[in-house]
């Protein structure tokens, strides 16, 4: 059964970019941005694109999110059947402004039941987050009243299985008036775990017992182990860099740390009222998020290579390690960590 739509009928006036449309709303002066992730898919080669662009000024943000089962790469050259939002793991990052009306349409194109759960929303869970059978659709809306870096995930039991198969992404709610500082570059990092084991035919499949024993096969940033060692995140000397970090779990915490740098500011849960200063490492629980800022200044954390890790190193050894490249290093131009 399909849910009753909660959306006002809108008429398109301008279109730009694949899958992104600006609409004229029913109310005078109201602008609506619609992003269709059936059309717009997050880039994943050579690495998942961690860059995040600013939110638009549209008063209403609409997102169409398909649920699919797709072949993904969880380690270089290692293919796996993931359960996805928008065809990638993690799914596409959403970004809105505090006070925006967020409208969501989820279409289950997979062969099994799934659902969606926005940690950023104040909404009756039994209505918005109900189970969707194959070919089912749900539409709901909420006001983004709380700034932060939030997880979105499938909440269909067993939730552990659905998350460990890849059903999660981040939504960023920017505070009114911004974060109080100017960021030259911004990135989204989602940490998570896979529990994959070869069957008798050599094909990787999810292993429930491994998940219950918390014996992850991979612990990853943005869906693939070690990808940012092969393809570093690049910034310029002098940049103030903001990282939105969400820990999708399903079971481990993230002890986020940059080797060779100190976080000038950390906003736990992304709440700008709770700023911490001069932080070496900050822990994010499964299902949580935080916003980190670090400046890569000449004479300090200038031109060079800076590993970023979960400082729980048993987890980092399974893939949660990347490199931030500042400028173009000429001395010791490669690094292992």
Protein backbone atom coordinates (compact mmCIF):
# COMPACT_ATOMS: atom_id res chain seq x y z
CA UNK A 1 0.00 0.00 0.00
CA UNK A 2 1.34 3.43 -0.88
CA UNK A 3 1.26 6.20 1.69
CA UNK A 4 -0.81 9.31 1.25
CA UNK A 5 1.31 12.15 -0.13
CA UNK A 6 2.01 15.04 2.21
CA UNK A 7 3.34 17.34 -0.48
CA UNK A 8 1.79 20.40 -2.04
CA UNK A 9 1.58 20.25 -5.83
CA UNK A 10 4.36 22.32 -7.35
CA UNK A 11 5.09 23.62 -10.86
CA UNK A 12 8.63 23.52 -12.30
CA UNK A 13 10.07 26.85 -13.43
CA UNK A 14 13.83 26.30 -13.78
CA UNK A 15 15.97 23.18 -14.10
CA UNK A 16 19.74 22.92 -13.62
CA UNK A 17 22.10 19.96 -13.39
CA UNK A 18 21.15 16.31 -13.70
CA UNK A 19 18.43 15.45 -11.24
CA UNK A 20 18.29 18.91 -9.60
CA UNK A 21 15.27 21.16 -10.20
CA UNK A 22 14.22 24.49 -8.72
CA UNK A 23 10.46 24.83 -8.34
CA UNK A 24 8.04 27.64 -7.67
CA UNK A 25 6.01 26.84 -4.60
CA UNK A 26 2.33 27.30 -3.98
CA UNK A 27 3.11 30.09 -1.51
CA UNK A 28 4.21 33.43 -2.88
CA UNK A 29 7.96 33.87 -2.65
CA UNK A 30 8.63 30.26 -1.63
CA UNK A 31 11.43 28.50 -3.49
CA UNK A 32 11.81 24.74 -3.66
CA UNK A 33 14.83 22.68 -4.64
CA UNK A 34 14.23 19.09 -5.72
CA UNK A 35 17.04 16.53 -6.01
CA UNK A 36 16.25 13.17 -7.56
CA UNK A 37 18.82 10.55 -6.60
CA UNK A 38 17.44 8.22 -9.24
CA UNK A 39 19.29 10.58 -11.58
CA UNK A 40 22.01 12.16 -9.46
CA UNK A 41 24.33 9.53 -7.98
CA UNK A 42 27.28 10.17 -5.66
CA UNK A 43 30.62 9.84 -7.46
CA UNK A 44 32.65 6.86 -6.21
CA UNK A 45 35.66 6.70 -8.57
CA UNK A 46 38.57 6.86 -8.07
CA UNK A 47 37.27 7.35 -4.51
CA UNK A 48 33.95 8.33 -2.98
CA UNK A 49 33.68 12.10 -3.46
CA UNK A 50 33.90 13.50 0.08
CA UNK A 51 33.54 17.14 -1.01
CA UNK A 52 30.30 18.78 0.10
CA UNK A 53 28.92 21.95 -1.44
CA UNK A 54 27.00 24.65 0.47
CA UNK A 55 23.27 24.29 0.86
CA UNK A 56 21.14 26.33 -1.52
CA UNK A 57 18.97 29.21 -0.34
CA UNK A 58 15.75 27.38 -1.26
CA UNK A 59 13.17 27.45 1.55
CA UNK A 60 12.05 23.90 0.81
CA UNK A 61 14.37 21.00 0.02
CA UNK A 62 12.84 17.93 -1.66
CA UNK A 63 14.74 14.68 -1.97
CA UNK A 64 13.72 11.60 -3.95
CA UNK A 65 15.66 8.62 -2.61
CA UNK A 66 15.54 5.16 -4.20
CA UNK A 67 16.37 2.01 -2.23
CA UNK A 68 18.29 -0.48 -4.34
CA UNK A 69 20.52 -3.54 -4.07
CA UNK A 70 23.71 -2.79 -6.00
CA UNK A 71 27.22 -4.13 -6.50
CA UNK A 72 29.65 -1.97 -4.53
CA UNK A 73 33.40 -2.04 -3.86
CA UNK A 74 34.27 -2.37 -0.16
CA UNK A 75 38.01 -2.73 -0.71
CA UNK A 76 40.16 -2.10 -3.79
CA UNK A 77 39.10 -4.76 -6.31
CA UNK A 78 36.67 -6.44 -3.88
CA UNK A 79 33.05 -6.44 -5.05
CA UNK A 80 30.08 -6.97 -2.75
CA UNK A 81 26.29 -6.85 -3.00
CA UNK A 82 25.27 -3.89 -0.88
CA UNK A 83 21.88 -2.58 0.13
CA UNK A 84 21.82 1.11 -0.70
CA UNK A 85 20.13 4.45 -0.67
CA UNK A 86 20.72 5.99 -4.09
CA UNK A 87 22.94 3.20 -5.42
CA UNK A 88 26.07 3.95 -3.37
CA UNK A 89 27.48 3.31 0.11
CA UNK A 90 27.16 5.63 1.84
CA UNK A 91 24.19 7.11 0.08
CA UNK A 92 24.22 10.74 -1.10
CA UNK A 93 24.82 13.44 1.50
CA UNK A 94 21.90 15.82 2.02
CA UNK A 95 22.54 19.39 3.12
CA UNK A 96 19.92 21.85 4.34
CA UNK A 97 19.70 25.01 6.42
CA UNK A 98 18.23 25.32 9.89
CA UNK A 99 14.58 26.24 9.43
CA UNK A 100 14.20 24.62 6.00
CA UNK A 101 11.22 22.43 5.27
CA UNK A 102 12.57 19.04 4.20
CA UNK A 103 10.37 16.84 2.02
CA UNK A 104 11.36 13.24 1.46
CA UNK A 105 10.11 10.66 -0.99
CA UNK A 106 11.54 7.13 -0.62
CA UNK A 107 10.90 4.45 -3.24
CA UNK A 108 11.78 0.84 -2.47
CA UNK A 109 13.14 -0.60 -5.72
CA UNK A 110 14.75 -3.56 -3.96
CA UNK A 111 13.39 -7.12 -3.66
CA UNK A 112 12.86 -6.98 0.14
CA UNK A 113 11.39 -4.73 2.84
CA UNK A 114 13.32 -1.65 3.96
CA UNK A 115 12.67 1.70 5.64
CA UNK A 116 14.33 5.02 6.46
CA UNK A 117 15.12 6.84 9.72
CA UNK A 118 16.30 10.47 9.84
CA UNK A 119 18.11 11.28 13.10
CA UNK A 120 17.65 14.95 12.21
CA UNK A 121 13.85 14.85 12.25
CA UNK A 122 11.28 15.40 15.00
CA UNK A 123 8.46 13.29 13.55
CA UNK A 124 6.25 10.32 14.56
CA UNK A 125 8.43 7.32 13.77
CA UNK A 126 5.48 4.97 13.25
CA UNK A 127 4.26 7.18 10.39
CA UNK A 128 7.42 8.31 8.59
CA UNK A 129 9.64 5.33 9.25
CA UNK A 130 7.26 2.48 8.54
CA UNK A 131 8.42 -0.57 6.61
CA UNK A 132 8.30 -0.38 2.81
CA UNK A 133 7.66 -3.58 0.89
CA UNK A 134 9.11 -3.87 -2.64
CA UNK A 135 7.73 -1.17 -4.99
CA UNK A 136 6.24 0.73 -2.05
CA UNK A 137 6.68 4.51 -1.65
CA UNK A 138 6.44 6.86 1.31
CA UNK A 139 6.46 10.66 1.44
CA UNK A 140 6.82 12.82 4.54
CA UNK A 141 8.17 16.20 5.60
CA UNK A 142 9.82 17.76 8.64
CA UNK A 143 11.21 21.11 9.67
CA UNK A 144 15.02 21.09 10.14
CA UNK A 145 15.02 22.78 13.55
CA UNK A 146 18.26 21.39 14.98
CA UNK A 147 21.65 22.10 13.38
CA UNK A 148 24.12 19.25 13.27
CA UNK A 149 25.72 16.32 11.45
CA UNK A 150 23.21 13.48 11.46
CA UNK A 151 22.90 9.88 10.42
CA UNK A 152 20.13 8.55 8.19
CA UNK A 153 19.67 4.78 8.00
CA UNK A 154 17.35 1.87 7.39
CA UNK A 155 15.50 0.89 10.55
CA UNK A 156 14.00 -2.40 9.40
CA UNK A 157 14.78 -5.33 11.73
CA UNK A 158 17.31 -6.69 12.14
CA UNK A 159 18.72 -3.15 12.00
CA UNK A 160 22.28 -4.41 12.38
CA UNK A 161 21.99 -6.36 9.12
CA UNK A 162 20.57 -3.46 7.15
CA UNK A 163 23.22 -1.01 8.35
CA UNK A 164 26.14 -3.40 7.90
CA UNK A 165 24.94 -3.95 4.32
CA UNK A 166 25.32 -0.25 3.56
CA UNK A 167 22.00 1.45 4.28
CA UNK A 168 23.08 4.83 5.65
CA UNK A 169 24.09 8.35 4.68
CA UNK A 170 24.59 11.78 6.26
CA UNK A 171 22.39 14.85 6.43
CA UNK A 172 23.98 18.17 7.39
CA UNK A 173 21.82 20.90 8.92
CA UNK A 174 23.71 24.20 8.85
CA UNK A 175 22.93 26.61 11.72
CA UNK A 176 21.34 29.97 11.03
CA UNK A 177 24.19 32.41 10.65
CA UNK A 178 26.69 29.66 9.82
CA UNK A 179 29.32 27.95 11.95
CA UNK A 180 31.02 31.12 13.17
CA UNK A 181 34.12 30.60 11.04
CA UNK A 182 34.83 30.54 7.32
CA UNK A 183 35.79 27.18 5.84
CA UNK A 184 37.88 27.13 2.70
CA UNK A 185 36.98 23.49 2.04
CA UNK A 186 34.42 21.09 3.50
CA UNK A 187 34.25 17.29 3.47
CA UNK A 188 31.91 14.57 4.71
CA UNK A 189 33.34 11.39 6.25
CA UNK A 190 31.05 8.48 7.20
CA UNK A 191 32.64 5.67 9.20
CA UNK A 192 31.07 2.21 9.14
CA UNK A 193 31.73 -1.52 9.31
CA UNK A 194 31.23 -4.48 7.00
CA UNK A 195 30.93 -8.10 8.14
CA UNK A 196 31.68 -10.07 4.98
CA UNK A 197 32.83 -13.68 4.64
CA UNK A 198 33.48 -15.89 1.63
CA UNK A 199 31.01 -18.70 1.03
CA UNK A 200 31.94 -22.13 -0.37
CA UNK A 201 32.01 -20.66 -3.89
CA UNK A 202 34.33 -17.82 -2.91
CA UNK A 203 31.64 -15.13 -3.02
CA UNK A 204 31.50 -12.56 -0.22
CA UNK A 205 28.29 -12.61 1.78
CA UNK A 206 27.16 -10.94 5.01
CA UNK A 207 27.94 -12.97 8.12
CA UNK A 208 25.50 -12.49 11.00
CA UNK A 209 27.67 -14.25 13.56
CA UNK A 210 30.61 -11.98 12.78
CA UNK A 211 28.34 -8.98 13.33
CA UNK A 212 27.05 -10.29 16.65
CA UNK A 213 30.63 -10.96 17.77
CA UNK A 214 31.71 -7.51 16.52
CA UNK A 215 34.41 -9.03 14.32
CA UNK A 216 34.32 -6.67 11.35
CA UNK A 217 35.96 -7.66 8.09
CA UNK A 218 36.34 -3.98 7.12
CA UNK A 219 36.06 -0.69 8.98
CA UNK A 220 35.83 2.05 6.40
CA UNK A 221 35.54 5.74 5.65
CA UNK A 222 32.86 6.43 3.01
CA UNK A 223 32.23 2.81 2.15
CA UNK A 224 35.63 1.49 1.05
CA UNK A 225 38.71 0.58 3.06
CA UNK A 226 41.90 2.62 2.56
CA UNK A 227 40.51 4.53 -0.45
CA UNK A 228 41.86 7.89 0.74
CA UNK A 229 45.37 6.45 1.06
CA UNK A 230 45.29 5.73 -2.68
CA UNK A 231 43.41 8.96 -3.46
CA UNK A 232 44.19 11.55 -0.76
CA UNK A 233 41.84 14.37 0.18
CA UNK A 234 43.55 17.51 -1.16
CA UNK A 235 43.61 20.96 0.42
CA UNK A 236 45.86 24.02 0.13
CA UNK A 237 48.29 25.41 2.65
CA UNK A 238 46.47 28.04 4.72
CA UNK A 239 43.07 26.40 4.30
CA UNK A 240 40.66 26.21 7.21
CA UNK A 241 39.04 22.81 6.61
CA UNK A 242 35.72 21.62 8.02
CA UNK A 243 34.94 17.91 8.33
CA UNK A 244 31.42 16.63 8.92
CA UNK A 245 31.95 13.18 10.44
CA UNK A 246 29.10 10.71 10.98
CA UNK A 247 29.55 7.27 12.51
CA UNK A 248 27.07 4.84 10.98
CA UNK A 249 28.34 1.87 12.98
CA UNK A 250 26.44 -0.35 13.36
CA UNK A 251 28.51 -1.19 16.44
CA UNK A 252 31.87 0.60 16.77
CA UNK A 253 32.67 4.13 17.91
CA UNK A 254 34.86 6.44 15.84
CA UNK A 255 37.83 8.08 17.59
CA UNK A 256 38.52 10.69 14.92
CA UNK A 257 42.06 12.05 14.77
CA UNK A 258 44.39 13.75 12.26
CA UNK A 259 48.06 12.89 12.63
CA UNK A 260 50.16 16.09 12.63
CA UNK A 261 47.27 18.47 13.28
CA UNK A 262 45.05 19.60 16.13
CA UNK A 263 41.38 20.41 15.78
CA UNK A 264 40.90 24.12 16.42
CA UNK A 265 37.20 23.49 17.00
CA UNK A 266 34.96 20.47 17.47
CA UNK A 267 31.17 20.69 17.61
CA UNK A 268 29.84 17.48 19.25
CA UNK A 269 26.76 16.30 17.31
CA UNK A 270 27.33 19.37 15.16
CA UNK A 271 25.70 21.62 17.75
CA UNK A 272 27.34 25.08 17.40
CA UNK A 273 26.43 25.89 21.01
CA UNK A 274 28.72 23.11 22.29
CA UNK A 275 32.05 24.08 20.74
CA UNK A 276 35.27 22.51 22.04
CA UNK A 277 38.65 24.07 21.27
CA UNK A 278 42.16 22.64 20.79
CA UNK A 279 41.16 18.96 20.59
CA UNK A 280 43.48 16.07 19.66
CA UNK A 281 40.90 13.27 19.27
CA UNK A 282 37.14 13.20 19.61
CA UNK A 283 34.94 10.11 19.96
CA UNK A 284 31.68 9.71 18.07
CA UNK A 285 29.30 6.93 19.13
CA UNK A 286 27.58 4.68 16.63
CA UNK A 287 24.66 6.71 15.31
CA UNK A 288 26.30 10.04 16.19
CA UNK A 289 28.08 12.84 14.40
CA UNK A 290 30.39 15.79 14.96
CA UNK A 291 31.87 18.72 13.08
CA UNK A 292 35.65 19.25 13.11
CA UNK A 293 37.72 22.23 11.98
CA UNK A 294 41.48 22.28 11.42
CA UNK A 295 43.69 24.95 9.85
CA UNK A 296 46.67 23.81 7.81
CA UNK A 297 48.96 26.79 8.35
CA UNK A 298 52.43 27.46 6.99
CA UNK A 299 55.04 26.90 9.68
CA UNK A 300 52.78 24.48 11.55
CA UNK A 301 50.52 21.94 9.80
CA UNK A 302 51.61 23.26 6.41
CA UNK A 303 52.55 21.53 3.16
CA UNK A 304 52.69 17.79 3.84
CA UNK A 305 50.76 14.56 4.33
CA UNK A 306 48.42 14.08 7.28
CA UNK A 307 46.84 10.69 7.97
CA UNK A 308 43.30 10.76 9.39
CA UNK A 309 42.18 7.72 11.34
CA UNK A 310 39.95 6.27 13.94
CA UNK A 311 42.44 6.11 16.81
CA UNK A 312 41.00 2.75 17.77
CA UNK A 313 43.81 1.23 15.74
CA UNK A 314 42.46 -2.30 15.53
CA UNK A 315 39.69 -0.68 13.48
CA UNK A 316 42.06 1.57 11.53
CA UNK A 317 44.06 -1.51 10.49
CA UNK A 318 40.88 -2.79 8.79
CA UNK A 319 40.55 0.24 6.56
CA UNK A 320 39.60 3.41 8.48
CA UNK A 321 42.72 5.34 7.43
CA UNK A 322 43.11 8.09 4.85
CA UNK A 323 45.53 10.86 3.90
CA UNK A 324 44.99 14.62 3.73
CA UNK A 325 47.45 16.12 1.25
CA UNK A 326 48.27 19.77 1.90
CA UNK A 327 49.80 21.44 -1.14
CA UNK A 328 52.37 19.46 -3.12
CA UNK A 329 54.90 17.83 -0.80
CA UNK A 330 58.36 17.30 -2.32
CA UNK A 331 60.07 15.74 0.70
CA UNK A 332 58.93 12.23 1.70
CA UNK A 333 56.07 12.54 -0.79
CA UNK A 334 54.43 9.28 0.27
CA UNK A 335 53.47 7.95 3.69
CA UNK A 336 52.19 4.82 5.37
CA UNK A 337 50.26 4.87 8.62
